[in-house]
Protein backbone atom coordinates (compact mmCIF):
# COMPACT_ATOMS: atom_id res chain seq x y z
CA MET A 1 -15.89 -198.03 -224.99
CA ASP A 2 -15.18 -200.79 -227.62
CA THR A 3 -18.19 -201.28 -230.35
CA ASN A 4 -18.48 -204.98 -229.29
CA GLU A 5 -19.51 -203.95 -225.68
CA THR A 6 -22.30 -201.98 -226.85
CA GLN A 7 -23.76 -204.08 -229.28
CA ALA A 8 -27.31 -204.54 -228.72
CA VAL A 9 -28.95 -207.78 -227.68
CA GLN A 10 -30.25 -209.44 -230.83
CA GLU A 11 -33.30 -211.82 -231.04
CA ILE A 12 -32.51 -214.95 -232.75
CA ASP A 13 -35.61 -217.35 -234.15
CA TYR A 14 -35.27 -220.48 -232.85
CA ALA A 15 -35.41 -222.27 -236.23
CA GLU A 16 -32.56 -219.93 -237.32
CA LEU A 17 -30.47 -220.88 -234.00
CA GLN A 18 -30.92 -224.69 -234.88
CA ALA A 19 -29.60 -224.41 -238.26
CA LEU A 20 -26.90 -222.30 -237.16
CA ILE A 21 -25.97 -224.93 -234.59
CA ALA A 22 -25.98 -227.59 -237.35
CA ARG A 23 -23.73 -225.54 -239.46
CA VAL A 24 -21.14 -224.79 -236.77
CA GLU A 25 -21.32 -228.61 -235.86
CA HIS A 26 -20.47 -229.43 -239.70
CA ALA A 27 -17.63 -226.90 -239.66
CA ILE A 28 -16.06 -228.41 -236.62
CA GLU A 29 -16.59 -231.89 -237.98
CA HIS A 30 -15.01 -230.98 -241.29
CA GLY A 31 -12.43 -228.45 -240.36
CA LEU A 32 -14.30 -225.59 -242.39
CA ALA A 33 -14.33 -222.20 -241.68
CA LEU A 34 -17.76 -220.27 -241.03
CA GLU A 35 -19.16 -217.85 -243.21
CA ALA A 36 -19.31 -214.25 -242.31
CA GLU A 37 -22.76 -214.42 -241.75
CA ASP A 38 -22.82 -217.31 -239.36
CA MET A 39 -19.83 -215.61 -237.40
CA ARG A 40 -22.34 -212.55 -237.02
CA LEU A 41 -25.10 -214.85 -235.69
CA LEU A 42 -22.86 -216.78 -233.52
CA LEU A 43 -21.61 -213.49 -232.18
CA SER A 44 -25.16 -212.13 -231.75
CA ALA A 45 -25.87 -215.25 -229.48
CA ILE A 46 -22.61 -214.70 -227.51
CA HIS A 47 -23.55 -210.97 -226.67
CA THR A 48 -27.06 -212.52 -225.56
CA LEU A 49 -25.53 -215.10 -223.28
CA LEU A 50 -23.19 -212.32 -222.09
CA GLU A 51 -26.09 -209.76 -221.28
CA VAL A 52 -28.02 -212.16 -219.60
CA GLN A 53 -25.19 -213.45 -217.48
CA THR A 54 -24.44 -209.59 -216.53
CA GLN A 55 -28.03 -208.85 -215.53
CA LEU A 56 -28.18 -212.00 -213.28
CA GLU A 57 -24.81 -210.86 -211.40
CA GLU A 58 -25.34 -207.19 -211.44
CA LYS A 59 -28.91 -206.91 -210.85
CA ASN A 60 -29.66 -209.98 -208.90
CA ILE A 61 -32.29 -211.48 -210.82
CA THR A 62 -32.72 -215.13 -210.08
CA LEU A 63 -33.93 -217.76 -212.15
CA HIS A 64 -37.28 -217.72 -210.19
CA LYS A 65 -37.56 -213.89 -210.58
CA LEU A 66 -36.40 -213.96 -214.25
CA ARG A 67 -39.10 -216.68 -215.05
CA LYS A 68 -41.70 -214.57 -213.05
CA LEU A 69 -40.50 -211.27 -215.19
CA LEU A 70 -40.97 -213.41 -218.36
CA GLY A 71 -44.47 -214.48 -217.42
CA MET A 72 -43.55 -218.05 -217.09
CA ILE A 73 -45.09 -218.35 -213.74
CA LYS A 74 -47.60 -216.41 -211.82
CA SER A 75 -46.14 -213.46 -209.67
CA SER A 76 -47.27 -214.38 -206.35
CA GLU A 77 -45.49 -214.69 -202.94
CA LYS A 78 -47.77 -217.51 -201.70
CA ARG A 79 -45.33 -220.06 -200.67
CA ALA A 80 -45.83 -223.84 -200.94
CA HIS A 81 -46.36 -226.10 -197.97
CA SER A 82 -43.22 -225.79 -195.81
CA THR A 83 -41.15 -228.77 -195.25
CA LYS A 84 -40.70 -227.74 -191.55
CA THR A 85 -43.53 -228.05 -189.30
CA ASP A 86 -41.83 -225.34 -187.17
CA ASP A 87 -41.96 -224.04 -184.01
CA ARG A 88 -43.22 -223.19 -180.71
CA ASP A 89 -43.95 -219.54 -181.36
CA GLU A 90 -45.72 -219.83 -184.84
CA LYS A 91 -47.81 -222.80 -183.23
CA GLU A 92 -48.31 -220.74 -179.94
CA CYS A 93 -49.45 -217.48 -182.40
CA LYS A 94 -51.84 -220.01 -184.34
CA ARG A 95 -53.21 -221.27 -181.27
CA ASN A 96 -53.99 -217.86 -179.43
CA LYS A 97 -55.89 -216.77 -182.78
CA PRO A 98 -59.36 -216.42 -182.12
CA LYS A 99 -61.79 -217.80 -184.27
CA LYS A 100 -62.49 -215.54 -187.45
CA PRO A 101 -65.95 -214.65 -188.07
CA ARG A 102 -67.67 -215.46 -191.11
CA LYS A 103 -67.92 -212.71 -193.69
CA LYS A 104 -71.36 -211.51 -193.94
CA LYS A 105 -72.64 -211.49 -197.60
CA ARG A 106 -74.06 -208.31 -198.84
CA LYS A 107 -77.76 -209.02 -199.39
CA VAL A 108 -79.68 -207.46 -202.43
CA GLU A 109 -82.04 -204.97 -201.39
CA PRO A 110 -85.08 -204.55 -203.55
CA LYS A 111 -85.54 -200.92 -204.67
CA GLU A 112 -89.02 -201.57 -205.68
CA VAL A 113 -91.75 -203.86 -204.17
CA ILE A 114 -94.46 -205.13 -206.31
CA TYR A 115 -97.49 -206.80 -204.74
CA HIS A 116 -99.89 -209.23 -207.08
CA GLN A 117 -103.22 -209.37 -205.59
CA LEU A 118 -106.05 -212.19 -206.21
CA ASP A 119 -108.72 -209.80 -207.69
CA ASP A 120 -111.49 -212.36 -207.96
CA LEU A 121 -110.93 -214.19 -204.78
CA LYS A 122 -111.04 -212.56 -200.91
CA LYS A 123 -111.08 -213.56 -197.55
CA GLY A 124 -114.02 -215.80 -196.45
CA ASP A 125 -114.82 -217.24 -199.78
CA SER A 126 -115.94 -220.75 -200.24
CA CYS A 127 -112.61 -223.15 -201.12
CA THR A 128 -113.31 -224.37 -204.79
CA GLN A 129 -111.48 -227.70 -204.17
CA CYS A 130 -113.94 -228.84 -200.90
CA PRO A 131 -117.26 -228.33 -200.15
CA ASN A 132 -117.21 -226.75 -196.66
CA GLY A 133 -113.83 -224.84 -196.49
CA ARG A 134 -113.29 -221.19 -196.56
CA PHE A 135 -110.26 -219.18 -197.35
CA ARG A 136 -108.47 -217.23 -195.07
CA LYS A 137 -105.20 -215.08 -195.45
CA TYR A 138 -102.03 -217.24 -195.68
CA ASP A 139 -98.39 -215.93 -196.00
CA ALA A 140 -97.57 -214.35 -198.97
CA LYS A 141 -94.89 -216.08 -201.01
CA ILE A 142 -92.06 -213.59 -201.84
CA LEU A 143 -89.82 -213.68 -205.00
CA ILE A 144 -86.97 -211.46 -205.58
CA ARG A 145 -86.03 -211.29 -209.27
CA ILE A 146 -82.96 -209.64 -210.31
CA SER A 147 -83.17 -208.68 -213.96
CA GLY A 148 -80.47 -207.83 -216.47
CA ALA A 149 -80.62 -204.67 -218.59
CA SER A 150 -78.56 -202.50 -220.77
CA PRO A 151 -76.38 -199.91 -218.79
CA PHE A 152 -78.35 -197.03 -220.53
CA GLU A 153 -81.70 -196.44 -221.78
CA ALA A 154 -83.01 -193.81 -224.12
CA LYS A 155 -86.33 -192.24 -223.68
CA LYS A 156 -87.72 -189.86 -226.12
CA HIS A 157 -89.78 -186.91 -224.39
CA VAL A 158 -92.36 -185.07 -226.67
CA VAL A 159 -93.04 -181.74 -224.81
CA GLU A 160 -96.29 -180.16 -226.07
CA ARG A 161 -95.83 -176.39 -226.60
CA PHE A 162 -98.30 -173.63 -227.50
CA LYS A 163 -97.28 -170.26 -229.10
CA CYS A 164 -99.17 -166.79 -229.47
CA ASP A 165 -99.40 -165.71 -232.95
CA LEU A 166 -99.46 -162.20 -231.71
CA CYS A 167 -96.55 -161.83 -229.17
CA ASN A 168 -94.79 -165.11 -230.05
CA TYR A 169 -95.17 -166.18 -226.23
CA VAL A 170 -94.76 -170.01 -225.60
CA VAL A 171 -96.12 -172.15 -223.23
CA SER A 172 -94.69 -175.49 -222.64
CA VAL A 173 -95.75 -178.46 -220.21
CA ASP A 174 -93.48 -178.67 -217.30
CA LEU A 175 -91.42 -182.17 -217.46
CA PRO A 176 -91.79 -184.48 -214.50
CA ALA A 177 -89.29 -184.33 -211.71
CA VAL A 178 -87.91 -187.67 -212.57
CA VAL A 179 -86.56 -186.62 -215.68
CA THR A 180 -85.14 -182.97 -214.65
CA GLU A 181 -83.51 -184.57 -211.53
CA ASP A 182 -81.33 -186.69 -214.25
CA GLY A 183 -80.48 -183.45 -215.94
CA SER A 184 -81.29 -180.13 -217.50
CA ILE A 185 -83.74 -180.19 -220.34
CA ASP A 186 -81.09 -179.57 -223.26
CA GLN A 187 -78.78 -182.17 -221.65
CA ARG A 188 -78.84 -185.31 -223.69
CA TYR A 189 -76.94 -187.74 -221.59
CA GLY A 190 -78.23 -187.78 -217.86
CA TYR A 191 -76.40 -187.47 -214.70
CA SER A 192 -76.65 -190.98 -214.22
CA ALA A 193 -75.37 -192.09 -217.45
CA ARG A 194 -72.16 -190.07 -216.98
CA SER A 195 -71.82 -191.81 -213.39
CA VAL A 196 -72.09 -195.26 -215.07
CA MET A 197 -69.45 -194.28 -218.05
CA ALA A 198 -67.24 -192.78 -215.28
CA ILE A 199 -67.40 -196.03 -212.96
CA PHE A 200 -66.78 -198.33 -215.78
CA LYS A 201 -63.70 -196.64 -217.04
CA HIS A 202 -62.12 -195.07 -213.97
CA PHE A 203 -62.87 -197.85 -211.57
CA SER A 204 -63.59 -200.94 -213.48
CA GLY A 205 -60.80 -200.48 -215.99
CA MET A 206 -63.19 -200.45 -219.23
CA PRO A 207 -61.69 -198.54 -221.94
CA TYR A 208 -63.83 -195.94 -223.83
CA PHE A 209 -63.88 -197.98 -226.81
CA HIS A 210 -64.75 -201.19 -225.23
CA GLN A 211 -67.75 -199.42 -223.46
CA GLU A 212 -68.52 -198.34 -227.38
CA THR A 213 -68.68 -201.87 -228.58
CA LEU A 214 -70.51 -203.02 -225.54
CA ASN A 215 -73.33 -200.43 -225.65
CA ASP A 216 -73.47 -201.26 -229.31
CA LEU A 217 -74.28 -204.72 -228.43
CA PHE A 218 -77.05 -203.59 -226.35
CA GLY A 219 -78.46 -201.68 -228.89
CA TYR A 220 -77.62 -197.94 -227.65
CA PRO A 221 -74.47 -196.97 -229.91
CA ILE A 222 -72.51 -194.36 -228.07
CA THR A 223 -69.05 -193.22 -229.84
CA ALA A 224 -65.74 -193.53 -227.21
CA SER A 225 -65.10 -189.98 -227.88
CA THR A 226 -68.71 -188.89 -226.30
CA ILE A 227 -68.02 -191.21 -223.49
CA TYR A 228 -65.06 -189.19 -222.72
CA ASP A 229 -66.97 -185.76 -223.03
CA GLN A 230 -69.30 -186.81 -220.65
CA CYS A 231 -66.69 -188.04 -218.11
CA GLU A 232 -64.94 -184.87 -218.60
CA TYR A 233 -68.08 -183.11 -217.86
CA LEU A 234 -68.53 -185.06 -214.64
CA SER A 235 -64.95 -184.20 -213.69
CA ASN A 236 -65.61 -180.35 -214.29
CA ASP A 237 -68.47 -180.88 -211.40
CA CYS A 238 -66.05 -182.72 -209.30
CA ILE A 239 -63.15 -180.63 -209.13
CA PRO A 240 -64.01 -178.62 -206.12
CA LEU A 241 -64.64 -181.81 -204.10
CA TYR A 242 -61.17 -183.19 -205.42
CA HIS A 243 -59.51 -179.82 -204.20
CA GLN A 244 -61.26 -180.00 -201.16
CA ILE A 245 -60.23 -183.75 -200.04
CA LYS A 246 -56.70 -182.93 -200.83
CA ARG A 247 -56.96 -180.00 -198.43
CA ILE A 248 -58.26 -182.51 -195.72
CA ALA A 249 -55.60 -185.09 -196.56
CA ALA A 250 -52.79 -182.62 -195.88
CA ASN A 251 -53.50 -182.66 -192.17
CA ALA A 252 -53.89 -186.48 -192.09
CA VAL A 253 -52.05 -188.47 -189.28
CA LEU A 254 -51.23 -191.14 -191.62
CA PHE A 255 -50.03 -191.62 -195.16
CA TYR A 256 -49.74 -194.67 -197.63
CA ILE A 257 -47.62 -193.77 -200.49
CA ASP A 258 -46.50 -195.80 -203.95
CA ASP A 259 -46.50 -195.26 -207.75
CA THR A 260 -46.46 -197.30 -210.79
CA PRO A 261 -45.41 -196.78 -214.28
CA ASN A 262 -47.85 -195.16 -216.83
CA ARG A 263 -47.70 -193.57 -220.19
CA ILE A 264 -48.68 -190.17 -221.71
CA ILE A 265 -48.45 -190.17 -225.35
CA GLU A 266 -48.15 -186.52 -225.93
CA GLN A 267 -46.24 -185.93 -222.76
CA LYS A 268 -42.74 -184.57 -223.78
CA SER A 269 -39.48 -184.79 -221.40
CA GLU A 270 -39.05 -181.95 -219.33
CA GLN A 271 -36.14 -180.06 -217.66
CA ARG A 272 -37.22 -179.67 -213.90
CA PRO A 273 -35.37 -178.48 -210.93
CA ASN A 274 -34.20 -181.55 -208.28
CA ARG A 275 -35.96 -182.13 -205.31
CA ASN A 276 -33.08 -180.81 -203.31
CA GLY A 277 -32.64 -177.24 -204.82
CA LYS A 278 -29.59 -177.98 -206.47
CA GLY A 279 -29.80 -177.84 -210.33
CA THR A 280 -31.93 -179.51 -212.77
CA ARG A 281 -32.35 -182.82 -214.79
CA LEU A 282 -34.31 -184.12 -217.60
CA ARG A 283 -37.52 -186.05 -216.37
CA THR A 284 -38.77 -188.68 -218.52
CA GLY A 285 -40.49 -191.17 -216.62
CA ILE A 286 -44.24 -190.92 -216.07
CA TYR A 287 -45.86 -192.53 -213.21
CA THR A 288 -49.16 -192.76 -211.64
CA SER A 289 -48.89 -191.81 -208.05
CA GLY A 290 -51.23 -193.32 -205.40
CA LEU A 291 -51.77 -191.63 -201.90
CA ILE A 292 -53.92 -192.83 -198.97
CA ALA A 293 -54.44 -190.24 -196.33
CA VAL A 294 -55.76 -191.29 -193.17
CA THR A 295 -57.65 -188.70 -190.94
CA ASP A 296 -57.60 -188.46 -187.29
CA THR A 297 -61.23 -189.46 -187.41
CA GLY A 298 -60.64 -192.64 -189.26
CA GLU A 299 -61.65 -191.68 -192.89
CA HIS A 300 -59.45 -192.78 -195.89
CA ILE A 301 -58.98 -190.55 -198.75
CA TYR A 302 -57.71 -192.00 -201.82
CA LEU A 303 -55.85 -189.73 -204.38
CA TYR A 304 -54.11 -190.29 -207.56
CA ASN A 305 -51.94 -188.22 -209.85
CA THR A 306 -50.51 -189.35 -213.21
CA ASN A 307 -47.60 -187.15 -214.43
CA LEU A 308 -43.82 -186.66 -214.87
CA GLY A 309 -43.42 -187.03 -211.01
CA HIS A 310 -43.03 -189.70 -208.44
CA ALA A 311 -44.75 -190.67 -205.28
CA GLY A 312 -42.82 -188.15 -203.28
CA GLU A 313 -43.38 -185.27 -205.14
CA PHE A 314 -47.28 -185.88 -205.20
CA LEU A 315 -46.72 -185.93 -201.41
CA ASP A 316 -44.82 -182.81 -201.26
CA HIS A 317 -47.57 -181.18 -203.12
CA ILE A 318 -50.32 -182.32 -200.69
CA LEU A 319 -48.29 -181.41 -197.81
CA LYS A 320 -47.77 -177.77 -198.55
CA GLN A 321 -51.08 -177.01 -197.53
CA ARG A 322 -50.61 -178.90 -193.98
CA ASP A 323 -50.94 -177.17 -190.83
CA PRO A 324 -47.56 -176.63 -189.31
CA HIS A 325 -48.66 -176.87 -185.81
CA LEU A 326 -49.88 -180.46 -186.19
CA PRO A 327 -47.90 -183.47 -184.79
CA ALA A 328 -45.51 -185.30 -187.15
CA PRO A 329 -47.33 -187.71 -189.57
CA ILE A 330 -46.65 -191.23 -190.26
CA ILE A 331 -45.40 -191.85 -193.94
CA MET A 332 -45.78 -195.42 -195.04
CA SER A 333 -43.91 -196.25 -198.33
CA ASP A 334 -41.00 -198.71 -199.66
CA ALA A 335 -37.47 -197.81 -199.29
CA LEU A 336 -36.98 -195.62 -202.15
CA SER A 337 -35.43 -192.26 -201.33
CA SER A 338 -37.59 -190.13 -204.04
CA ASN A 339 -40.55 -191.07 -201.47
CA LEU A 340 -39.32 -188.96 -198.61
CA PRO A 341 -41.04 -185.50 -198.40
CA THR A 342 -39.09 -182.36 -198.82
CA VAL A 343 -41.53 -179.70 -197.45
CA ILE A 344 -41.86 -181.06 -193.80
CA GLN A 345 -38.56 -182.40 -191.83
CA ASN A 346 -40.79 -183.66 -188.88
CA PHE A 347 -42.41 -187.17 -189.73
CA VAL A 348 -42.36 -190.59 -188.82
CA ASN A 349 -40.75 -192.83 -191.88
CA ALA A 350 -42.08 -196.29 -191.55
CA LEU A 351 -41.03 -198.72 -194.08
CA CYS A 352 -43.17 -201.81 -195.72
CA ASN A 353 -42.17 -205.08 -194.35
CA ALA A 354 -43.88 -206.94 -197.41
CA HIS A 355 -41.15 -205.03 -199.40
CA ALA A 356 -38.28 -206.29 -196.84
CA ARG A 357 -40.04 -210.08 -196.76
CA ARG A 358 -39.94 -209.80 -200.68
CA GLN A 359 -36.04 -209.55 -200.81
CA PHE A 360 -35.95 -213.11 -199.47
CA VAL A 361 -38.90 -214.55 -201.08
CA ASP A 362 -36.98 -213.61 -204.63
CA ILE A 363 -33.94 -215.78 -203.40
CA GLU A 364 -35.82 -218.57 -201.93
CA SER A 365 -35.14 -220.96 -204.83
CA ASN A 366 -31.28 -220.57 -204.20
CA PHE A 367 -31.29 -220.69 -200.53
CA PRO A 368 -34.32 -222.62 -199.49
CA GLU A 369 -33.43 -223.39 -195.97
CA GLU A 370 -32.03 -220.00 -194.88
CA VAL A 371 -35.10 -218.32 -196.58
CA GLU A 372 -37.55 -220.45 -195.29
CA PHE A 373 -36.44 -219.94 -191.62
CA ILE A 374 -36.81 -215.99 -192.35
CA LEU A 375 -40.27 -216.31 -193.84
CA ASP A 376 -41.51 -218.47 -190.88
CA LEU A 377 -40.22 -215.84 -188.66
CA TYR A 378 -41.96 -212.93 -190.82
CA GLY A 379 -44.99 -215.08 -190.85
CA GLN A 380 -45.48 -214.95 -187.40
CA ILE A 381 -45.78 -210.95 -187.38
CA TRP A 382 -48.56 -210.76 -189.68
CA CYS A 383 -50.27 -213.35 -187.46
CA TYR A 384 -49.81 -211.35 -184.50
CA ASP A 385 -51.04 -208.36 -186.29
CA THR A 386 -54.35 -210.30 -187.41
CA ASN A 387 -55.00 -211.45 -183.89
CA SER A 388 -54.96 -207.85 -182.80
CA LYS A 389 -57.23 -206.61 -185.63
CA GLU A 390 -59.67 -209.48 -184.98
CA ARG A 391 -59.72 -208.63 -181.24
CA ASN A 392 -60.50 -204.89 -182.25
CA ASP A 393 -57.80 -203.67 -180.47
CA ASP A 394 -57.39 -199.75 -180.16
CA ALA A 395 -54.21 -198.45 -181.02
CA GLU A 396 -52.51 -198.35 -177.75
CA GLN A 397 -53.24 -202.20 -177.41
CA ARG A 398 -52.31 -202.85 -180.79
CA LEU A 399 -48.79 -201.14 -180.19
CA ALA A 400 -48.37 -203.07 -176.82
CA HIS A 401 -49.06 -206.24 -178.27
CA HIS A 402 -46.57 -205.73 -181.12
CA LYS A 403 -43.89 -204.54 -178.58
CA GLU A 404 -44.70 -207.89 -176.58
CA HIS A 405 -44.81 -210.26 -179.47
CA SER A 406 -43.48 -209.08 -182.57
CA LEU A 407 -40.40 -206.84 -181.80
CA PRO A 408 -38.50 -210.10 -180.27
CA VAL A 409 -39.37 -211.52 -183.81
CA MET A 410 -37.75 -208.50 -185.46
CA GLU A 411 -34.75 -208.69 -183.51
CA GLN A 412 -34.00 -212.32 -183.98
CA ILE A 413 -34.21 -211.55 -188.17
CA GLN A 414 -31.78 -208.72 -187.15
CA SER A 415 -29.32 -211.08 -185.20
CA TRP A 416 -29.60 -213.84 -187.70
CA SER A 417 -28.85 -211.20 -190.70
CA GLU A 418 -25.82 -210.01 -188.69
CA VAL A 419 -24.66 -213.71 -188.22
CA GLN A 420 -24.77 -214.20 -192.10
CA ILE A 421 -23.05 -211.17 -192.91
CA ASN A 422 -20.40 -211.85 -190.74
CA SER A 423 -19.98 -215.41 -191.82
CA PRO A 424 -17.07 -216.75 -194.08
CA ASP A 425 -19.22 -218.95 -195.67
CA CYS A 426 -21.68 -216.49 -197.23
CA GLU A 427 -20.66 -214.76 -200.60
CA GLN A 428 -20.41 -211.11 -199.50
CA HIS A 429 -21.51 -209.86 -202.72
CA GLY A 430 -24.31 -212.51 -203.11
CA SER A 431 -27.99 -212.04 -203.19
CA LEU A 432 -28.53 -213.47 -199.54
CA ILE A 433 -26.32 -210.90 -198.28
CA LYS A 434 -27.99 -207.94 -200.38
CA ALA A 435 -31.43 -208.89 -198.71
CA CYS A 436 -29.81 -209.17 -195.27
CA ASN A 437 -28.34 -205.79 -195.69
CA TYR A 438 -31.77 -204.49 -196.91
CA PHE A 439 -33.35 -205.37 -193.62
CA LEU A 440 -30.26 -204.27 -191.44
CA LYS A 441 -30.07 -200.90 -193.13
CA HIS A 442 -33.82 -200.22 -192.64
CA TYR A 443 -34.39 -201.84 -189.39
CA GLU A 444 -35.35 -198.86 -187.64
CA GLU A 445 -37.89 -197.91 -190.27
CA LEU A 446 -39.07 -201.22 -190.36
CA THR A 447 -39.91 -201.65 -186.64
CA GLN A 448 -41.85 -198.42 -186.55
CA PHE A 449 -45.30 -200.47 -186.06
CA CYS A 450 -43.57 -201.76 -182.87
CA LYS A 451 -42.51 -198.23 -181.65
CA THR A 452 -45.10 -195.53 -183.13
CA LEU A 453 -48.52 -195.37 -182.18
CA GLY A 454 -50.88 -195.95 -185.19
CA ALA A 455 -48.01 -197.18 -187.57
CA PRO A 456 -48.84 -199.90 -189.94
CA ILE A 457 -46.83 -202.97 -190.85
CA ASP A 458 -46.87 -202.96 -194.39
CA ASN A 459 -48.35 -200.81 -197.53
CA ASN A 460 -50.42 -203.41 -198.79
CA ILE A 461 -53.47 -201.11 -198.67
CA MET A 462 -51.63 -198.74 -201.26
CA GLU A 463 -50.36 -201.66 -203.39
CA GLU A 464 -54.32 -202.59 -203.36
CA GLY A 465 -55.53 -199.25 -204.18
CA LEU A 466 -52.80 -198.86 -207.08
CA LYS A 467 -54.50 -201.84 -208.93
CA ILE A 468 -57.47 -199.56 -209.81
CA LYS A 469 -55.05 -197.63 -211.91
CA ILE A 470 -53.11 -200.70 -213.15
CA ARG A 471 -56.35 -202.52 -214.39
CA SER A 472 -56.91 -199.28 -216.57
CA ARG A 473 -53.25 -199.43 -217.82
CA LYS A 474 -53.49 -202.83 -218.85
CA THR A 475 -56.59 -202.62 -220.99
CA SER A 476 -56.20 -198.85 -222.21
CA HIS A 477 -52.16 -198.75 -222.18
CA PHE A 478 -51.98 -195.12 -222.25
CA TYR A 479 -53.43 -191.63 -221.93
CA LYS A 480 -53.07 -189.37 -225.12
CA THR A 481 -52.93 -186.18 -223.22
CA GLN A 482 -52.31 -184.73 -219.78
CA THR A 483 -55.76 -183.42 -219.87
CA GLY A 484 -57.37 -187.07 -220.04
CA ALA A 485 -54.83 -188.15 -217.40
CA ASP A 486 -56.17 -185.36 -215.25
CA VAL A 487 -59.89 -186.26 -215.59
CA ALA A 488 -58.75 -189.82 -214.51
CA ASN A 489 -57.07 -188.27 -211.57
CA VAL A 490 -60.21 -186.74 -210.24
CA LEU A 491 -62.60 -189.26 -211.06
CA THR A 492 -60.74 -192.15 -209.58
CA SER A 493 -59.86 -190.16 -206.32
CA ILE A 494 -63.59 -189.49 -206.09
CA ILE A 495 -64.88 -192.93 -206.77
CA ALA A 496 -62.31 -194.77 -204.80
CA THR A 497 -62.89 -192.24 -201.77
CA ALA A 498 -66.39 -192.67 -201.70
CA TYR A 499 -66.37 -196.73 -202.16
CA ARG A 500 -63.64 -196.85 -199.30
CA ASN A 501 -66.08 -194.79 -196.84
CA ASP A 502 -68.91 -196.93 -197.52
CA SER A 503 -70.89 -194.39 -199.75
CA ASN A 504 -72.46 -195.67 -203.05
CA PRO A 505 -70.14 -194.11 -205.70
CA TYR A 506 -73.09 -194.20 -208.36
CA GLU A 507 -75.42 -192.20 -206.13
CA TYR A 508 -72.85 -190.05 -204.87
CA LEU A 509 -71.86 -188.89 -208.01
CA ASN A 510 -75.40 -188.10 -209.09
CA LYS A 511 -76.02 -186.32 -205.87
CA ILE A 512 -73.12 -184.23 -206.90
CA GLN A 513 -73.97 -183.45 -210.31
CA ARG A 514 -77.47 -182.64 -209.09
CA ASN A 515 -76.19 -180.15 -206.68
CA LYS A 516 -73.05 -178.92 -208.62
CA GLU A 517 -73.74 -175.31 -207.61
CA ALA A 518 -73.87 -176.23 -203.96
CA VAL A 519 -70.70 -178.13 -204.16
CA LYS A 520 -68.65 -175.52 -205.98
CA ALA A 521 -69.78 -172.83 -203.19
CA LYS A 522 -69.12 -174.89 -200.15
CA PRO A 523 -67.56 -178.34 -200.96
CA ILE A 524 -66.87 -179.15 -197.62
CA ASP A 525 -70.58 -180.13 -196.92
CA TRP A 526 -70.52 -182.63 -199.65
CA LEU A 527 -67.85 -185.07 -198.29
CA PRO A 528 -68.33 -188.85 -199.06
CA TRP A 529 -68.50 -189.78 -195.27
CA GLN A 530 -71.13 -187.38 -194.51
CA ASN A 531 -74.89 -187.78 -194.52
CA ILE A 532 -75.62 -185.72 -197.65
CA ASN A 533 -79.11 -184.03 -197.82
CA ASP A 534 -80.23 -183.79 -201.70
CA THR A 535 -81.20 -180.24 -202.03
CA SER A 536 -82.08 -180.19 -205.61
């Protein structure tokens, strides 16, 4: 290959580029030759332009998408108000849409009720403002006061002890239950403190060093390394439960999977076998794989794994424990071939319609009329799905609703895409044809929600679930070791699963720690969706 073709794209400072332009204009005006350094800069600028042009042509990066990638505009698929007030189907869909109930706000439930009484006054006493009146009971005034406090509170317990001067027998006072329930007598950081540290880091995305700074502001300095140690202790207590929910997840009826890039500093590249069993290849990419398993009774199990693997490999790891006599599960993902499982052959492959829609969203600036037509059609499908959810349809009613209303819309998109591909007016290697080809190639998988009982329409729930890990990646940037990533895998999975199944993660983690021996002996009795009796 020619050396000019392999030359890397070089960033040129704006002021430097302006000065170069001035020198080139001066050389042209006076018929002068450029100096070698100016020719080098000019060549770099040409290479940069060529590289951008190549990216636009080969990778189908439109100006709109390029601006999103550069952060010049927000990465959102919400559209501006349509210029077409379209059509009867969409209007009918909106007309039939039931009124959406107002979302109930969570009320603050006080854990402590304090009564303030009038000690110098009782019922029947004479009024202090009029001569003949008597006091009677009146409706109490209620005030709910929400107070702020440090996330942690340090208390010093001085335990009185006596020692026999002959046999050295020691007698000490027993600590109150409120103290021992939060940890053993030799434990500096209580179970509740560990739970708070884990939720801050592995759900809210607050790095250990940020927690260190915050705690210092509140007057309770705790180092980042100490916070990590406490999270690791908590992770060890949760490991039996983590393995248990993986076993339950293996027999789920529906799986949502996706992954996002991540980084482990000390993780080296490895030579690993290919998933098809033929040869090996060097693996370098580190990903956080997310999996949501929906059980036959409706529980949602959230599982995360950060390592040198893709979501499909994590799914294989889970499915190795699946009962082979169970019906074929539904697997919802994007269209990457690496997402398909290899340990089972019988499954329903449902693809995400949000990804298919995104193919058209990214080229809307180049084909506004064509894309607007497709996006309006796609909008009807989600409208029908919303109608079904708000009517509380069961799985069979939902499937019948989509067969009647959504399937004709999908067929209309299919027919339109075929017309575009066969039209002589469309550039056959252009971005619009590529979007149409994507839809047609995966049409069967994209329409599973109209054909298979329980198949979802998109993978948005997993996209939302991955944001938990993306928050942590944006603030912490990386894991140092695989051990640190494994601690995060366990705690994030347990916290997210408890939260999704309406179990208070803070109280749940405290119970797991107080009863860690019982959890270790029989973890199936300590699942987050069960009514757990604290046996401590």
